[in-house]
Amino acid sequence: MVDSLKLAVEEVNAAGGLLGRSLKLVHYDTQSNIQLYSQYAQQLSVRDKVSVIVGGITSASREAIRPTFDRFRTLYVHNTLYEGGVCDRNMFITGTTPAQTVAKLVPYAMSKGGKKVYIIAADYNYGQITAKWMQKYVKENGGETLSVDFFPLDVTNFGPTISKIQAARPDLILSSLVGGNHVAFYRQWAAAGMKDRIQIASTTFGLFNEPATLSAAESDGIIGTFGYFEELTTPASMVYVDKLKKLSPNIPYISELAVATYEEFNLWVEGVKKAKTIDRLPVIEALETGIAVRAAR
């Protein structure tokens, strides 16, 4: 995500800057620490006085920093898939929501696996709300939800859960597990000899570096759904992938997170051009008008 933002800033500066001025990227590593998120949010708004914030990854991090940006009137764009429902004029979000992804994922996955479904999810906003969307679409497609299990983000032992799933004998597992610790589920699932016996579909698998972390034997066949896949062969996608991998050759896979970051920053750039200023309210009005025009087409 950071490399994608660097690429977008470099492209704008290479084209002469924005409103005749070069852009400077100010980046702080929050280390997935909510206290650091809050600290750096205030630092960016008060000390650095940035024109726009591009960042946050989990719903918890977004909600920790959003009040700071509202208070200090710093425009905030959030570029991660999220649970939906946030209404804040000071913030724009380009990530997909469960209402978009789960609606497609559930009927397709049920056609591959079956109608008896077991749901496993991360125990925070995104996982809780996504699980509700999963249950809704399972029911609407004639399926049955056998169980819904939630896991804190620090859980790494899924042995008891795997035993529960084996006893329940579902046709399909729907997963919205999140983060590096939860990758352990897929490894332990394969080790238990279950990967080829029950289909898994996920709204989050492949979003980070799971395919690079796991072996093909542990990950092949898991169904995912996102707003972007690196394999997209449109001219714009292929140019973007080539540029980003030249900038950062060690990126294992380019997912929706990186693309949404790139798209959202460029959305702000277009808003500034339209408003002819970097001032927050004119840019917000320009973005709102632009979005309304695109939606009406």
C-alpha atoms as a PDB file:
ATOM      1  CA  MET A   1       0.000   0.000   0.000  1.00  0.00           C
ATOM      2  CA  VAL A   2       2.839   2.373   0.865  1.00  0.00           C
ATOM      3  CA  ASP A   3       4.713   1.535  -2.349  1.00  0.00           C
ATOM      4  CA  SER A   4       1.554   2.108  -4.362  1.00  0.00           C
ATOM      5  CA  LEU A   5       1.156   5.542  -2.796  1.00  0.00           C
ATOM      6  CA  LYS A   6       4.830   6.322  -3.503  1.00  0.00           C
ATOM      7  CA  LEU A   7       4.248   5.396  -7.143  1.00  0.00           C
ATOM      8  CA  ALA A   8       1.206   7.670  -7.397  1.00  0.00           C
ATOM      9  CA  VAL A   9       3.070  10.620  -5.853  1.00  0.00           C
ATOM     10  CA  GLU A  10       6.079  10.052  -8.147  1.00  0.00           C
ATOM     11  CA  GLU A  11       3.780  10.027 -11.198  1.00  0.00           C
ATOM     12  CA  VAL A  12       2.159  13.326 -10.229  1.00  0.00           C
ATOM     13  CA  ASN A  13       5.513  14.980  -9.572  1.00  0.00           C
ATOM     14  CA  ALA A  14       6.968  13.630 -12.815  1.00  0.00           C
ATOM     15  CA  ALA A  15       4.053  15.238 -14.667  1.00  0.00           C
ATOM     16  CA  GLY A  16       4.815  18.663 -13.176  1.00  0.00           C
ATOM     17  CA  GLY A  17       3.239  18.370  -9.761  1.00  0.00           C
ATOM     18  CA  LEU A  18      -0.195  19.455  -8.604  1.00  0.00           C
ATOM     19  CA  LEU A  19      -1.296  23.055  -9.166  1.00  0.00           C
ATOM     20  CA  GLY A  20       2.315  23.772 -10.093  1.00  0.00           C
ATOM     21  CA  ARG A  21       3.774  22.404  -6.842  1.00  0.00           C
ATOM     22  CA  SER A  22       5.589  19.154  -6.071  1.00  0.00           C
ATOM     23  CA  LEU A  23       4.022  16.760  -3.611  1.00  0.00           C
ATOM     24  CA  LYS A  24       5.824  15.456  -0.536  1.00  0.00           C
ATOM     25  CA  LEU A  25       4.870  12.108   1.016  1.00  0.00           C
ATOM     26  CA  VAL A  26       5.003  11.972   4.834  1.00  0.00           C
ATOM     27  CA  HIS A  27       4.893   8.385   6.069  1.00  0.00           C
ATOM     28  CA  TYR A  28       4.777   6.915   9.571  1.00  0.00           C
ATOM     29  CA  ASP A  29       4.856   3.209  10.357  1.00  0.00           C
ATOM     30  CA  THR A  30       2.114   2.492  12.897  1.00  0.00           C
ATOM     31  CA  GLN A  31       3.295  -1.109  13.405  1.00  0.00           C
ATOM     32  CA  SER A  32      -0.390  -2.171  13.719  1.00  0.00           C
ATOM     33  CA  ASN A  33      -0.425  -0.382  17.088  1.00  0.00           C
ATOM     34  CA  ILE A  34      -3.594   1.617  17.830  1.00  0.00           C
ATOM     35  CA  GLN A  35      -1.732   3.945  20.201  1.00  0.00           C
ATOM     36  CA  LEU A  36       0.721   4.804  17.424  1.00  0.00           C
ATOM     37  CA  TYR A  37      -2.173   5.328  15.004  1.00  0.00           C
ATOM     38  CA  SER A  38      -3.640   7.922  17.373  1.00  0.00           C
ATOM     39  CA  GLN A  39      -0.256   9.562  17.988  1.00  0.00           C
ATOM     40  CA  TYR A  40       0.645   9.863  14.324  1.00  0.00           C
ATOM     41  CA  ALA A  41      -2.845  11.021  13.346  1.00  0.00           C
ATOM     42  CA  GLN A  42      -2.464  14.058  15.601  1.00  0.00           C
ATOM     43  CA  GLN A  43       1.110  14.581  14.448  1.00  0.00           C
ATOM     44  CA  LEU A  44       0.092  14.590  10.772  1.00  0.00           C
ATOM     45  CA  SER A  45      -2.762  17.017  11.381  1.00  0.00           C
ATOM     46  CA  VAL A  46      -1.135  19.435  13.858  1.00  0.00           C
ATOM     47  CA  ARG A  47       2.617  19.368  13.233  1.00  0.00           C
ATOM     48  CA  ASP A  48       2.916  18.250   9.606  1.00  0.00           C
ATOM     49  CA  LYS A  49      -0.301  19.993   8.495  1.00  0.00           C
ATOM     50  CA  VAL A  50      -0.763  17.613   5.567  1.00  0.00           C
ATOM     51  CA  SER A  51      -3.391  18.232   2.905  1.00  0.00           C
ATOM     52  CA  VAL A  52      -4.791  14.695   2.856  1.00  0.00           C
ATOM     53  CA  ILE A  53      -4.387  11.484   4.827  1.00  0.00           C
ATOM     54  CA  VAL A  54      -4.200   8.169   2.967  1.00  0.00           C
ATOM     55  CA  GLY A  55      -4.076   5.279   5.407  1.00  0.00           C
ATOM     56  CA  GLY A  56      -5.501   2.985   8.037  1.00  0.00           C
ATOM     57  CA  ILE A  57      -6.011  -0.705   7.399  1.00  0.00           C
ATOM     58  CA  THR A  58      -8.317  -2.335   9.945  1.00  0.00           C
ATOM     59  CA  SER A  59     -11.692  -0.935  10.977  1.00  0.00           C
ATOM     60  CA  ALA A  60     -10.286  -0.454  14.480  1.00  0.00           C
ATOM     61  CA  SER A  61      -7.435   1.704  13.178  1.00  0.00           C
ATOM     62  CA  ARG A  62      -9.808   3.748  11.024  1.00  0.00           C
ATOM     63  CA  GLU A  63     -12.150   4.463  13.922  1.00  0.00           C
ATOM     64  CA  ALA A  64      -9.217   5.346  16.195  1.00  0.00           C
ATOM     65  CA  ILE A  65      -7.942   8.078  13.880  1.00  0.00           C
ATOM     66  CA  ARG A  66     -11.101   9.345  12.178  1.00  0.00           C
ATOM     67  CA  PRO A  67     -12.176  11.615  15.102  1.00  0.00           C
ATOM     68  CA  THR A  68      -8.755  13.282  15.062  1.00  0.00           C
ATOM     69  CA  PHE A  69      -9.029  14.130  11.385  1.00  0.00           C
ATOM     70  CA  ASP A  70     -12.580  15.408  11.868  1.00  0.00           C
ATOM     71  CA  ARG A  71     -11.466  17.545  14.822  1.00  0.00           C
ATOM     72  CA  PHE A  72      -8.527  19.127  13.014  1.00  0.00           C
ATOM     73  CA  ARG A  73     -10.340  19.268   9.663  1.00  0.00           C
ATOM     74  CA  THR A  74      -7.865  17.099   7.779  1.00  0.00           C
ATOM     75  CA  LEU A  75      -9.293  15.304   4.746  1.00  0.00           C
ATOM     76  CA  TYR A  76      -9.077  11.530   5.135  1.00  0.00           C
ATOM     77  CA  VAL A  77      -9.256   8.856   2.431  1.00  0.00           C
ATOM     78  CA  HIS A  78      -9.449   5.230   3.527  1.00  0.00           C
ATOM     79  CA  ASN A  79      -8.403   2.591   1.027  1.00  0.00           C
ATOM     80  CA  THR A  80      -9.263  -0.768   2.568  1.00  0.00           C
ATOM     81  CA  LEU A  81     -12.199  -3.080   2.071  1.00  0.00           C
ATOM     82  CA  TYR A  82     -14.413  -2.569   5.105  1.00  0.00           C
ATOM     83  CA  GLU A  83     -17.722  -3.526   6.670  1.00  0.00           C
ATOM     84  CA  GLY A  84     -19.716  -0.584   5.259  1.00  0.00           C
ATOM     85  CA  GLY A  85     -21.980   1.889   7.002  1.00  0.00           C
ATOM     86  CA  VAL A  86     -19.563   4.731   7.772  1.00  0.00           C
ATOM     87  CA  CYS A  87     -21.040   8.118   6.853  1.00  0.00           C
ATOM     88  CA  ASP A  88     -18.568  10.958   7.296  1.00  0.00           C
ATOM     89  CA  ARG A  89     -18.310  13.886   4.904  1.00  0.00           C
ATOM     90  CA  ASN A  90     -14.644  14.331   5.794  1.00  0.00           C
ATOM     91  CA  MET A  91     -13.728  10.810   4.651  1.00  0.00           C
ATOM     92  CA  PHE A  92     -13.868   8.966   1.326  1.00  0.00           C
ATOM     93  CA  ILE A  93     -13.586   5.172   1.049  1.00  0.00           C
ATOM     94  CA  THR A  94     -12.873   3.190  -2.117  1.00  0.00           C
ATOM     95  CA  GLY A  95     -12.558  -0.337  -0.719  1.00  0.00           C
ATOM     96  CA  THR A  96     -15.242  -2.930  -1.360  1.00  0.00           C
ATOM     97  CA  THR A  97     -17.899  -3.809   1.223  1.00  0.00           C
ATOM     98  CA  PRO A  98     -19.472  -7.183   2.126  1.00  0.00           C
ATOM     99  CA  ALA A  99     -22.651  -6.119   0.382  1.00  0.00           C
ATOM    100  CA  GLN A 100     -20.612  -6.109  -2.845  1.00  0.00           C
ATOM    101  CA  THR A 101     -18.328  -9.111  -2.382  1.00  0.00           C
ATOM    102  CA  VAL A 102     -20.403 -11.546  -0.301  1.00  0.00           C
ATOM    103  CA  ALA A 103     -23.359 -11.249  -2.660  1.00  0.00           C
ATOM    104  CA  LYS A 104     -21.142 -12.711  -5.415  1.00  0.00           C
ATOM    105  CA  LEU A 105     -19.064 -15.069  -3.309  1.00  0.00           C
ATOM    106  CA  VAL A 106     -21.805 -17.016  -1.520  1.00  0.00           C
ATOM    107  CA  PRO A 107     -23.847 -18.325  -4.473  1.00  0.00           C
ATOM    108  CA  TYR A 108     -20.701 -19.182  -6.439  1.00  0.00           C
ATOM    109  CA  ALA A 109     -19.058 -20.962  -3.512  1.00  0.00           C
ATOM    110  CA  MET A 110     -22.272 -22.832  -2.695  1.00  0.00           C
ATOM    111  CA  SER A 111     -22.408 -24.054  -6.279  1.00  0.00           C
ATOM    112  CA  LYS A 112     -18.915 -25.516  -5.808  1.00  0.00           C
ATOM    113  CA  GLY A 113     -19.294 -26.819  -2.249  1.00  0.00           C
ATOM    114  CA  GLY A 114     -22.870 -27.184  -1.107  1.00  0.00           C
ATOM    115  CA  LYS A 115     -25.591 -25.619   0.991  1.00  0.00           C
ATOM    116  CA  LYS A 116     -24.510 -26.517   4.533  1.00  0.00           C
ATOM    117  CA  VAL A 117     -22.218 -23.673   5.598  1.00  0.00           C
ATOM    118  CA  TYR A 118     -19.857 -23.070   8.542  1.00  0.00           C
ATOM    119  CA  ILE A 119     -18.695 -19.443   9.051  1.00  0.00           C
ATOM    120  CA  ILE A 120     -15.401 -18.430  10.708  1.00  0.00           C
ATOM    121  CA  ALA A 121     -14.555 -14.753  11.159  1.00  0.00           C
ATOM    122  CA  ALA A 122     -12.281 -12.273  12.901  1.00  0.00           C
ATOM    123  CA  ASP A 123     -13.773 -10.903  16.112  1.00  0.00           C
ATOM    124  CA  TYR A 124     -14.003  -7.192  15.355  1.00  0.00           C
ATOM    125  CA  ASN A 125     -16.194  -4.874  13.251  1.00  0.00           C
ATOM    126  CA  TYR A 126     -15.326  -6.261   9.848  1.00  0.00           C
ATOM    127  CA  GLY A 127     -15.604  -9.926  10.807  1.00  0.00           C
ATOM    128  CA  GLN A 128     -18.796  -9.490  12.843  1.00  0.00           C
ATOM    129  CA  ILE A 129     -20.638  -7.555  10.145  1.00  0.00           C
ATOM    130  CA  THR A 130     -19.321  -9.660   7.266  1.00  0.00           C
ATOM    131  CA  ALA A 131     -20.561 -12.792   9.044  1.00  0.00           C
ATOM    132  CA  LYS A 132     -24.059 -11.274   9.148  1.00  0.00           C
ATOM    133  CA  TRP A 133     -23.911 -10.606   5.407  1.00  0.00           C
ATOM    134  CA  MET A 134     -22.742 -14.190   4.861  1.00  0.00           C
ATOM    135  CA  GLN A 135     -25.688 -15.564   6.826  1.00  0.00           C
ATOM    136  CA  LYS A 136     -28.075 -13.356   4.864  1.00  0.00           C
ATOM    137  CA  TYR A 137     -26.873 -14.561   1.471  1.00  0.00           C
ATOM    138  CA  VAL A 138     -26.589 -18.185   2.555  1.00  0.00           C
ATOM    139  CA  LYS A 139     -30.264 -18.091   3.537  1.00  0.00           C
ATOM    140  CA  GLU A 140     -31.334 -16.219   0.390  1.00  0.00           C
ATOM    141  CA  ASN A 141     -29.595 -18.841  -1.747  1.00  0.00           C
ATOM    142  CA  GLY A 142     -31.328 -21.746  -0.050  1.00  0.00           C
ATOM    143  CA  GLY A 143     -28.492 -22.695   2.286  1.00  0.00           C
ATOM    144  CA  GLU A 144     -28.166 -23.362   5.995  1.00  0.00           C
ATOM    145  CA  THR A 145     -25.640 -21.812   8.391  1.00  0.00           C
ATOM    146  CA  LEU A 146     -24.548 -24.520  10.816  1.00  0.00           C
ATOM    147  CA  SER A 147     -22.388 -22.320  13.071  1.00  0.00           C
ATOM    148  CA  VAL A 148     -20.660 -18.928  13.267  1.00  0.00           C
ATOM    149  CA  ASP A 149     -17.359 -18.775  15.188  1.00  0.00           C
ATOM    150  CA  PHE A 150     -15.405 -15.585  15.942  1.00  0.00           C
ATOM    151  CA  PHE A 151     -11.682 -15.332  16.763  1.00  0.00           C
ATOM    152  CA  PRO A 152      -9.622 -12.503  18.275  1.00  0.00           C
ATOM    153  CA  LEU A 153      -6.821 -11.322  15.996  1.00  0.00           C
ATOM    154  CA  ASP A 154      -4.117 -12.881  18.180  1.00  0.00           C
ATOM    155  CA  VAL A 155      -5.469 -16.459  17.947  1.00  0.00           C
ATOM    156  CA  THR A 156      -3.134 -18.980  16.292  1.00  0.00           C
ATOM    157  CA  ASN A 157      -4.433 -22.342  17.578  1.00  0.00           C
ATOM    158  CA  PHE A 158      -7.378 -23.529  15.521  1.00  0.00           C
ATOM    159  CA  GLY A 159      -7.238 -27.198  16.538  1.00  0.00           C
ATOM    160  CA  PRO A 160     -10.463 -27.127  18.617  1.00  0.00           C
ATOM    161  CA  THR A 161     -12.270 -25.255  15.827  1.00  0.00           C
ATOM    162  CA  ILE A 162     -11.175 -27.776  13.217  1.00  0.00           C
ATOM    163  CA  SER A 163     -12.547 -30.565  15.423  1.00  0.00           C
ATOM    164  CA  LYS A 164     -15.867 -28.675  15.684  1.00  0.00           C
ATOM    165  CA  ILE A 165     -16.035 -28.244  11.922  1.00  0.00           C
ATOM    166  CA  GLN A 166     -15.288 -31.922  11.358  1.00  0.00           C
ATOM    167  CA  ALA A 167     -18.115 -32.845  13.744  1.00  0.00           C
ATOM    168  CA  ALA A 168     -20.552 -30.434  12.053  1.00  0.00           C
ATOM    169  CA  ARG A 169     -19.738 -31.836   8.587  1.00  0.00           C
ATOM    170  CA  PRO A 170     -20.485 -28.735   6.478  1.00  0.00           C
ATOM    171  CA  ASP A 171     -20.255 -28.631   2.696  1.00  0.00           C
ATOM    172  CA  LEU A 172     -18.612 -25.215   2.692  1.00  0.00           C
ATOM    173  CA  ILE A 173     -16.580 -22.948   4.976  1.00  0.00           C
ATOM    174  CA  LEU A 174     -16.947 -19.184   4.594  1.00  0.00           C
ATOM    175  CA  SER A 175     -14.014 -17.309   6.095  1.00  0.00           C
ATOM    176  CA  SER A 176     -13.352 -13.693   6.953  1.00  0.00           C
ATOM    177  CA  LEU A 177     -10.293 -14.366   9.096  1.00  0.00           C
ATOM    178  CA  VAL A 178      -7.869 -11.451   9.142  1.00  0.00           C
ATOM    179  CA  GLY A 179      -4.139 -10.904   9.663  1.00  0.00           C
ATOM    180  CA  GLY A 180      -0.929 -12.883   9.970  1.00  0.00           C
ATOM    181  CA  ASN A 181      -1.974 -14.946  12.993  1.00  0.00           C
ATOM    182  CA  HIS A 182      -5.124 -16.250  11.335  1.00  0.00           C
ATOM    183  CA  VAL A 183      -3.134 -17.663   8.423  1.00  0.00           C
ATOM    184  CA  ALA A 184      -2.471 -20.523  10.847  1.00  0.00           C
ATOM    185  CA  PHE A 185      -6.003 -21.797  10.282  1.00  0.00           C
ATOM    186  CA  TYR A 186      -5.330 -22.653   6.646  1.00  0.00           C
ATOM    187  CA  ARG A 187      -2.044 -24.364   7.484  1.00  0.00           C
ATOM    188  CA  GLN A 188      -3.615 -26.403  10.291  1.00  0.00           C
ATOM    189  CA  TRP A 189      -6.647 -27.215   8.125  1.00  0.00           C
ATOM    190  CA  ALA A 190      -4.401 -28.685   5.431  1.00  0.00           C
ATOM    191  CA  ALA A 191      -2.315 -30.548   8.024  1.00  0.00           C
ATOM    192  CA  ALA A 192      -5.502 -32.172   9.294  1.00  0.00           C
ATOM    193  CA  GLY A 193      -6.125 -33.530   5.789  1.00  0.00           C
ATOM    194  CA  MET A 194      -9.234 -31.409   5.299  1.00  0.00           C
ATOM    195  CA  LYS A 195      -8.327 -29.056   2.450  1.00  0.00           C
ATOM    196  CA  ASP A 196      -9.546 -31.306  -0.348  1.00  0.00           C
ATOM    197  CA  ARG A 197     -12.589 -32.519   1.580  1.00  0.00           C
ATOM    198  CA  ILE A 198     -14.476 -29.266   2.287  1.00  0.00           C
ATOM    199  CA  GLN A 199     -14.483 -26.184   0.061  1.00  0.00           C
ATOM    200  CA  ILE A 200     -13.277 -22.896   1.594  1.00  0.00           C
ATOM    201  CA  ALA A 201     -14.295 -19.466   0.287  1.00  0.00           C
ATOM    202  CA  SER A 202     -13.085 -16.202   1.800  1.00  0.00           C
ATOM    203  CA  THR A 203     -13.579 -12.446   1.594  1.00  0.00           C
ATOM    204  CA  THR A 204     -10.050 -11.869   2.901  1.00  0.00           C
ATOM    205  CA  PHE A 205      -7.743 -14.718   1.805  1.00  0.00           C
ATOM    206  CA  GLY A 206      -5.199 -13.441  -0.717  1.00  0.00           C
ATOM    207  CA  LEU A 207      -5.640  -9.828   0.331  1.00  0.00           C
ATOM    208  CA  PHE A 208      -2.311  -9.782   2.157  1.00  0.00           C
ATOM    209  CA  ASN A 209       0.511 -12.278   1.628  1.00  0.00           C
ATOM    210  CA  GLU A 210      -1.238 -15.562   2.439  1.00  0.00           C
ATOM    211  CA  PRO A 211      -0.438 -17.199  -0.936  1.00  0.00           C
ATOM    212  CA  ALA A 212       3.237 -16.287  -0.496  1.00  0.00           C
ATOM    213  CA  THR A 213       3.265 -17.463   3.129  1.00  0.00           C
ATOM    214  CA  LEU A 214       1.528 -20.795   2.534  1.00  0.00           C
ATOM    215  CA  SER A 215       2.527 -23.616   0.204  1.00  0.00           C
ATOM    216  CA  ALA A 216       0.453 -24.421  -2.857  1.00  0.00           C
ATOM    217  CA  ALA A 217      -0.693 -27.597  -1.098  1.00  0.00           C
ATOM    218  CA  GLU A 218      -2.101 -25.454   1.700  1.00  0.00           C
ATOM    219  CA  SER A 219      -3.731 -22.727  -0.371  1.00  0.00           C
ATOM    220  CA  ASP A 220      -4.710 -23.962  -3.841  1.00  0.00           C
ATOM    221  CA  GLY A 221      -8.436 -24.071  -4.430  1.00  0.00           C
ATOM    222  CA  ILE A 222      -9.513 -21.472  -1.875  1.00  0.00           C
ATOM    223  CA  ILE A 223     -12.051 -19.128  -3.493  1.00  0.00           C
ATOM    224  CA  GLY A 224     -11.640 -15.362  -3.013  1.00  0.00           C
ATOM    225  CA  THR A 225     -13.501 -12.261  -4.089  1.00  0.00           C
ATOM    226  CA  PHE A 226     -12.076  -8.749  -4.357  1.00  0.00           C
ATOM    227  CA  GLY A 227     -12.422  -5.526  -6.293  1.00  0.00           C
ATOM    228  CA  TYR A 228      -9.106  -6.229  -8.037  1.00  0.00           C
ATOM    229  CA  PHE A 229      -6.794  -9.111  -8.888  1.00  0.00           C
ATOM    230  CA  GLU A 230      -3.254  -8.692 -10.215  1.00  0.00           C
ATOM    231  CA  GLU A 231      -4.129 -10.975 -13.149  1.00  0.00           C
ATOM    232  CA  LEU A 232      -6.518  -8.369 -14.619  1.00  0.00           C
ATOM    233  CA  THR A 233      -5.333  -7.780 -18.185  1.00  0.00           C
ATOM    234  CA  THR A 234      -6.738  -4.341 -18.957  1.00  0.00           C
ATOM    235  CA  PRO A 235      -4.076  -1.973 -20.340  1.00  0.00           C
ATOM    236  CA  ALA A 236      -4.269   0.291 -17.267  1.00  0.00           C
ATOM    237  CA  SER A 237      -3.868  -2.647 -14.889  1.00  0.00           C
ATOM    238  CA  MET A 238      -0.906  -4.090 -16.758  1.00  0.00           C
ATOM    239  CA  VAL A 239       0.905  -0.722 -16.825  1.00  0.00           C
ATOM    240  CA  TYR A 240       0.230  -0.221 -13.111  1.00  0.00           C
ATOM    241  CA  VAL A 241       1.495  -3.694 -12.173  1.00  0.00           C
ATOM    242  CA  ASP A 242       4.648  -3.237 -14.244  1.00  0.00           C
ATOM    243  CA  LYS A 243       5.430   0.148 -12.670  1.00  0.00           C
ATOM    244  CA  LEU A 244       4.767  -0.996  -9.111  1.00  0.00           C
ATOM    245  CA  LYS A 245       6.901  -4.122  -9.439  1.00  0.00           C
ATOM    246  CA  LYS A 246       9.760  -2.080 -10.874  1.00  0.00           C
ATOM    247  CA  LEU A 247       9.489   0.273  -7.907  1.00  0.00           C
ATOM    248  CA  SER A 248       9.276  -2.589  -5.410  1.00  0.00           C
ATOM    249  CA  PRO A 249      10.434  -5.923  -6.919  1.00  0.00           C
ATOM    250  CA  ASN A 250       9.806  -7.880  -3.701  1.00  0.00           C
ATOM    251  CA  ILE A 251       6.035  -7.395  -3.618  1.00  0.00           C
ATOM    252  CA  PRO A 252       4.625 -10.964  -3.494  1.00  0.00           C
ATOM    253  CA  TYR A 253       1.208 -10.073  -4.911  1.00  0.00           C
ATOM    254  CA  ILE A 254      -0.681  -6.886  -5.779  1.00  0.00           C
ATOM    255  CA  SER A 255      -4.150  -6.983  -4.278  1.00  0.00           C
ATOM    256  CA  GLU A 256      -7.138  -4.678  -3.863  1.00  0.00           C
ATOM    257  CA  LEU A 257      -5.393  -2.889  -0.976  1.00  0.00           C
ATOM    258  CA  ALA A 258      -2.604  -1.531  -3.163  1.00  0.00           C
ATOM    259  CA  VAL A 259      -4.907  -0.644  -6.053  1.00  0.00           C
ATOM    260  CA  ALA A 260      -7.473   1.093  -3.833  1.00  0.00           C
ATOM    261  CA  THR A 261      -4.628   3.165  -2.366  1.00  0.00           C
ATOM    262  CA  TYR A 262      -3.511   4.176  -5.853  1.00  0.00           C
ATOM    263  CA  GLU A 263      -7.059   4.890  -7.026  1.00  0.00           C
ATOM    264  CA  GLU A 264      -8.016   6.892  -3.964  1.00  0.00           C
ATOM    265  CA  PHE A 265      -4.955   9.112  -4.070  1.00  0.00           C
ATOM    266  CA  ASN A 266      -5.601   9.835  -7.742  1.00  0.00           C
ATOM    267  CA  LEU A 267      -9.237  10.531  -6.903  1.00  0.00           C
ATOM    268  CA  TRP A 268      -8.003  13.223  -4.496  1.00  0.00           C
ATOM    269  CA  VAL A 269      -5.661  14.584  -7.194  1.00  0.00           C
ATOM    270  CA  GLU A 270      -8.582  14.948  -9.595  1.00  0.00           C
ATOM    271  CA  GLY A 271     -10.605  16.660  -6.869  1.00  0.00           C
ATOM    272  CA  VAL A 272      -7.800  19.177  -6.296  1.00  0.00           C
ATOM    273  CA  LYS A 273      -7.532  19.863 -10.017  1.00  0.00           C
ATOM    274  CA  LYS A 274     -11.260  20.413 -10.262  1.00  0.00           C
ATOM    275  CA  ALA A 275     -11.340  22.635  -7.165  1.00  0.00           C
ATOM    276  CA  LYS A 276      -8.157  24.457  -8.219  1.00  0.00           C
ATOM    277  CA  THR A 277      -7.052  24.403  -4.577  1.00  0.00           C
ATOM    278  CA  ILE A 278      -5.867  21.947  -1.926  1.00  0.00           C
ATOM    279  CA  ASP A 279      -8.249  23.463   0.641  1.00  0.00           C
ATOM    280  CA  ARG A 280     -10.355  20.745   2.249  1.00  0.00           C
ATOM    281  CA  LEU A 281     -13.960  21.868   1.692  1.00  0.00           C
ATOM    282  CA  PRO A 282     -13.630  22.818  -2.005  1.00  0.00           C
ATOM    283  CA  VAL A 283     -11.907  19.470  -2.642  1.00  0.00           C
ATOM    284  CA  ILE A 284     -14.664  17.598  -0.787  1.00  0.00           C
ATOM    285  CA  GLU A 285     -17.299  19.415  -2.868  1.00  0.00           C
ATOM    286  CA  ALA A 286     -15.395  18.616  -6.058  1.00  0.00           C
ATOM    287  CA  LEU A 287     -15.152  14.942  -5.101  1.00  0.00           C
ATOM    288  CA  GLU A 288     -18.847  14.802  -4.185  1.00  0.00           C
ATOM    289  CA  THR A 289     -19.832  16.363  -7.506  1.00  0.00           C
ATOM    290  CA  GLY A 290     -17.527  14.051  -9.438  1.00  0.00           C
ATOM    291  CA  ILE A 291     -18.899  10.974  -7.711  1.00  0.00           C
ATOM    292  CA  ALA A 292     -22.471  12.094  -8.332  1.00  0.00           C
ATOM    293  CA  VAL A 293     -21.759  12.626 -12.031  1.00  0.00           C
ATOM    294  CA  ARG A 294     -20.163   9.181 -12.421  1.00  0.00           C
ATOM    295  CA  ALA A 295     -23.032   7.503 -10.552  1.00  0.00           C
ATOM    296  CA  ALA A 296     -25.591   9.141 -12.828  1.00  0.00           C
ATOM    297  CA  ARG A 297     -24.006   7.896 -16.054  1.00  0.00           C
END
